[in-house]
Amino acid sequence: MNTDEQNEYIDVDVILNSIESYFGFVPKIFQVLSKNPAALKAYYDKLDVLMTDESLPPLSKEFISIGAASALGADHCLLTHLKVAKEFGATNDQLHLAILLGSAIAETDALAKSLRVFEEFENL
């Protein structure tokens, strides 16, 4: 089956409606991916498995997403997950802490890598 045939069997509207029901809107990444239904479905299916896994409550998943977005400097993702976490009942203090924790991990990673190089340099 070629890509065009695969795309015929993918209901993009169902996927986008599911995304909108979770986020309250359709983030840009999904809007653009919808031009390639197979890629949209693959990405959505992975996220759907993670977001419906009940090992962590939804708000915890949002705090993790906020920390990761902060660490990566992913502004659009950060704003999206801040909005969703707020809808799930997060306080501004909790959101702020999630940003600080994610950013601290990014800083720690940069320091750990850089200080290892410095330590090797000192031993040359």
C-alpha atoms as a PDB file:
ATOM      1  CA  MET A   1       0.000   0.000   0.000  1.00  0.00           C
ATOM      2  CA  ASN A   2       1.465   3.373  -1.005  1.00  0.00           C
ATOM      3  CA  THR A   3       1.321   6.549   1.075  1.00  0.00           C
ATOM      4  CA  ASP A   4      -1.727   7.949  -0.736  1.00  0.00           C
ATOM      5  CA  GLU A   5      -3.639   4.724  -0.079  1.00  0.00           C
ATOM      6  CA  GLN A   6      -2.599   4.767   3.603  1.00  0.00           C
ATOM      7  CA  ASN A   7      -3.695   8.386   3.965  1.00  0.00           C
ATOM      8  CA  GLU A   8      -7.190   7.539   2.648  1.00  0.00           C
ATOM      9  CA  TYR A   9      -7.806   5.360   5.726  1.00  0.00           C
ATOM     10  CA  ILE A  10      -6.724   7.998   8.273  1.00  0.00           C
ATOM     11  CA  ASP A  11      -9.446  10.271   9.597  1.00  0.00           C
ATOM     12  CA  VAL A  12      -7.533  13.490  10.231  1.00  0.00           C
ATOM     13  CA  ASP A  13     -10.612  15.239  11.630  1.00  0.00           C
ATOM     14  CA  VAL A  14     -11.066  12.586  14.328  1.00  0.00           C
ATOM     15  CA  ILE A  15      -7.426  12.972  15.370  1.00  0.00           C
ATOM     16  CA  LEU A  16      -7.574  16.777  15.380  1.00  0.00           C
ATOM     17  CA  ASN A  17     -10.830  16.742  17.361  1.00  0.00           C
ATOM     18  CA  SER A  18      -9.235  14.466  19.955  1.00  0.00           C
ATOM     19  CA  ILE A  19      -6.236  16.798  20.205  1.00  0.00           C
ATOM     20  CA  GLU A  20      -8.510  19.820  20.543  1.00  0.00           C
ATOM     21  CA  SER A  21     -10.529  18.130  23.288  1.00  0.00           C
ATOM     22  CA  TYR A  22      -7.332  17.624  25.315  1.00  0.00           C
ATOM     23  CA  PHE A  23      -5.550  20.940  24.732  1.00  0.00           C
ATOM     24  CA  GLY A  24      -8.579  23.156  24.127  1.00  0.00           C
ATOM     25  CA  PHE A  25      -7.141  24.014  20.713  1.00  0.00           C
ATOM     26  CA  VAL A  26      -5.044  22.340  18.031  1.00  0.00           C
ATOM     27  CA  PRO A  27      -1.359  23.220  18.532  1.00  0.00           C
ATOM     28  CA  LYS A  28       0.523  24.321  15.417  1.00  0.00           C
ATOM     29  CA  ILE A  29       2.600  21.128  15.259  1.00  0.00           C
ATOM     30  CA  PHE A  30      -0.554  19.069  14.707  1.00  0.00           C
ATOM     31  CA  GLN A  31      -1.971  21.554  12.217  1.00  0.00           C
ATOM     32  CA  VAL A  32       1.126  21.213  10.054  1.00  0.00           C
ATOM     33  CA  LEU A  33       1.379  17.439  10.528  1.00  0.00           C
ATOM     34  CA  SER A  34      -2.220  17.102   9.333  1.00  0.00           C
ATOM     35  CA  LYS A  35      -0.926  17.755   5.812  1.00  0.00           C
ATOM     36  CA  ASN A  36       0.708  14.309   6.063  1.00  0.00           C
ATOM     37  CA  PRO A  37      -1.951  12.100   7.661  1.00  0.00           C
ATOM     38  CA  ALA A  38       0.367   9.118   8.159  1.00  0.00           C
ATOM     39  CA  ALA A  39       2.914  11.262  10.028  1.00  0.00           C
ATOM     40  CA  LEU A  40       0.121  12.891  12.066  1.00  0.00           C
ATOM     41  CA  LYS A  41      -1.290   9.494  13.025  1.00  0.00           C
ATOM     42  CA  ALA A  42       2.119   8.100  14.012  1.00  0.00           C
ATOM     43  CA  TYR A  43       2.914  11.101  16.199  1.00  0.00           C
ATOM     44  CA  TYR A  44      -0.580  11.234  17.679  1.00  0.00           C
ATOM     45  CA  ASP A  45      -0.663   7.500  18.431  1.00  0.00           C
ATOM     46  CA  LYS A  46       2.580   7.748  20.415  1.00  0.00           C
ATOM     47  CA  LEU A  47       1.361  10.743  22.415  1.00  0.00           C
ATOM     48  CA  ASP A  48      -2.046   9.148  22.949  1.00  0.00           C
ATOM     49  CA  VAL A  49      -0.417   6.081  24.512  1.00  0.00           C
ATOM     50  CA  LEU A  50       1.653   8.261  26.838  1.00  0.00           C
ATOM     51  CA  MET A  51      -1.125  10.657  27.793  1.00  0.00           C
ATOM     52  CA  THR A  52      -3.681   7.901  28.490  1.00  0.00           C
ATOM     53  CA  ASP A  53      -1.259   5.808  30.565  1.00  0.00           C
ATOM     54  CA  GLU A  54      -2.644   5.944  34.087  1.00  0.00           C
ATOM     55  CA  SER A  55       0.719   5.418  35.840  1.00  0.00           C
ATOM     56  CA  LEU A  56       0.786   9.176  36.466  1.00  0.00           C
ATOM     57  CA  PRO A  57      -2.124  11.572  36.897  1.00  0.00           C
ATOM     58  CA  PRO A  58      -2.721  14.011  34.009  1.00  0.00           C
ATOM     59  CA  LEU A  59      -1.511  17.023  36.011  1.00  0.00           C
ATOM     60  CA  SER A  60       1.771  15.274  36.841  1.00  0.00           C
ATOM     61  CA  LYS A  61       2.300  14.631  33.137  1.00  0.00           C
ATOM     62  CA  GLU A  62       1.727  18.324  32.477  1.00  0.00           C
ATOM     63  CA  PHE A  63       4.283  19.321  35.140  1.00  0.00           C
ATOM     64  CA  ILE A  64       6.810  16.999  33.471  1.00  0.00           C
ATOM     65  CA  SER A  65       5.988  18.518  30.084  1.00  0.00           C
ATOM     66  CA  ILE A  66       6.418  22.026  31.503  1.00  0.00           C
ATOM     67  CA  GLY A  67       9.809  21.121  32.986  1.00  0.00           C
ATOM     68  CA  ALA A  68      10.969  19.525  29.749  1.00  0.00           C
ATOM     69  CA  ALA A  69       9.759  22.449  27.642  1.00  0.00           C
ATOM     70  CA  SER A  70      11.580  24.826  29.990  1.00  0.00           C
ATOM     71  CA  ALA A  71      14.781  22.798  29.794  1.00  0.00           C
ATOM     72  CA  LEU A  72      14.644  22.704  26.011  1.00  0.00           C
ATOM     73  CA  GLY A  73      13.619  26.334  25.569  1.00  0.00           C
ATOM     74  CA  ALA A  74      10.489  25.208  23.713  1.00  0.00           C
ATOM     75  CA  ASP A  75       8.365  28.335  24.129  1.00  0.00           C
ATOM     76  CA  HIS A  76       5.294  27.140  22.226  1.00  0.00           C
ATOM     77  CA  CYS A  77       5.241  23.792  24.038  1.00  0.00           C
ATOM     78  CA  LEU A  78       5.724  25.549  27.354  1.00  0.00           C
ATOM     79  CA  LEU A  79       2.777  27.870  26.787  1.00  0.00           C
ATOM     80  CA  THR A  80       0.574  25.003  25.626  1.00  0.00           C
ATOM     81  CA  HIS A  81       1.333  22.861  28.678  1.00  0.00           C
ATOM     82  CA  LEU A  82       1.016  25.815  31.063  1.00  0.00           C
ATOM     83  CA  LYS A  83      -2.509  26.378  29.737  1.00  0.00           C
ATOM     84  CA  VAL A  84      -3.458  22.712  30.054  1.00  0.00           C
ATOM     85  CA  ALA A  85      -1.981  22.405  33.553  1.00  0.00           C
ATOM     86  CA  LYS A  86      -3.916  25.500  34.618  1.00  0.00           C
ATOM     87  CA  GLU A  87      -7.111  23.902  33.277  1.00  0.00           C
ATOM     88  CA  PHE A  88      -6.287  20.775  35.337  1.00  0.00           C
ATOM     89  CA  GLY A  89      -6.093  22.923  38.468  1.00  0.00           C
ATOM     90  CA  ALA A  90      -2.415  23.851  38.790  1.00  0.00           C
ATOM     91  CA  THR A  91      -1.607  26.979  40.745  1.00  0.00           C
ATOM     92  CA  ASN A  92       0.738  29.657  39.469  1.00  0.00           C
ATOM     93  CA  ASP A  93       3.211  28.689  42.217  1.00  0.00           C
ATOM     94  CA  GLN A  94       3.221  25.091  40.977  1.00  0.00           C
ATOM     95  CA  LEU A  95       3.681  26.177  37.372  1.00  0.00           C
ATOM     96  CA  HIS A  96       6.516  28.485  38.365  1.00  0.00           C
ATOM     97  CA  LEU A  97       8.257  25.688  40.283  1.00  0.00           C
ATOM     98  CA  ALA A  98       7.938  23.295  37.325  1.00  0.00           C
ATOM     99  CA  ILE A  99       9.644  25.904  35.117  1.00  0.00           C
ATOM    100  CA  LEU A 100      12.392  26.475  37.664  1.00  0.00           C
ATOM    101  CA  LEU A 101      13.031  22.736  38.071  1.00  0.00           C
ATOM    102  CA  GLY A 102      13.196  22.144  34.324  1.00  0.00           C
ATOM    103  CA  SER A 103      15.501  25.089  33.822  1.00  0.00           C
ATOM    104  CA  ALA A 104      17.723  23.958  36.701  1.00  0.00           C
ATOM    105  CA  ILE A 105      18.141  20.543  35.082  1.00  0.00           C
ATOM    106  CA  ALA A 106      19.163  22.209  31.809  1.00  0.00           C
ATOM    107  CA  GLU A 107      21.682  24.359  33.690  1.00  0.00           C
ATOM    108  CA  THR A 108      22.992  21.340  35.601  1.00  0.00           C
ATOM    109  CA  ASP A 109      23.450  19.419  32.357  1.00  0.00           C
ATOM    110  CA  ALA A 110      25.425  22.287  30.812  1.00  0.00           C
ATOM    111  CA  LEU A 111      27.575  22.600  33.923  1.00  0.00           C
ATOM    112  CA  ALA A 112      28.199  18.871  34.199  1.00  0.00           C
ATOM    113  CA  LYS A 113      29.366  18.644  30.592  1.00  0.00           C
ATOM    114  CA  SER A 114      31.423  21.817  30.712  1.00  0.00           C
ATOM    115  CA  LEU A 115      33.082  21.042  34.033  1.00  0.00           C
ATOM    116  CA  ARG A 116      34.084  17.574  32.813  1.00  0.00           C
ATOM    117  CA  VAL A 117      35.792  19.177  29.819  1.00  0.00           C
ATOM    118  CA  PHE A 118      37.467  21.703  32.134  1.00  0.00           C
ATOM    119  CA  GLU A 119      38.649  18.923  34.412  1.00  0.00           C
ATOM    120  CA  GLU A 120      40.149  17.034  31.450  1.00  0.00           C
ATOM    121  CA  PHE A 121      41.739  20.280  30.234  1.00  0.00           C
ATOM    122  CA  GLU A 122      43.358  20.841  33.630  1.00  0.00           C
ATOM    123  CA  ASN A 123      44.914  17.378  33.458  1.00  0.00           C
ATOM    124  CA  LEU A 124      46.542  17.933  30.032  1.00  0.00           C
END
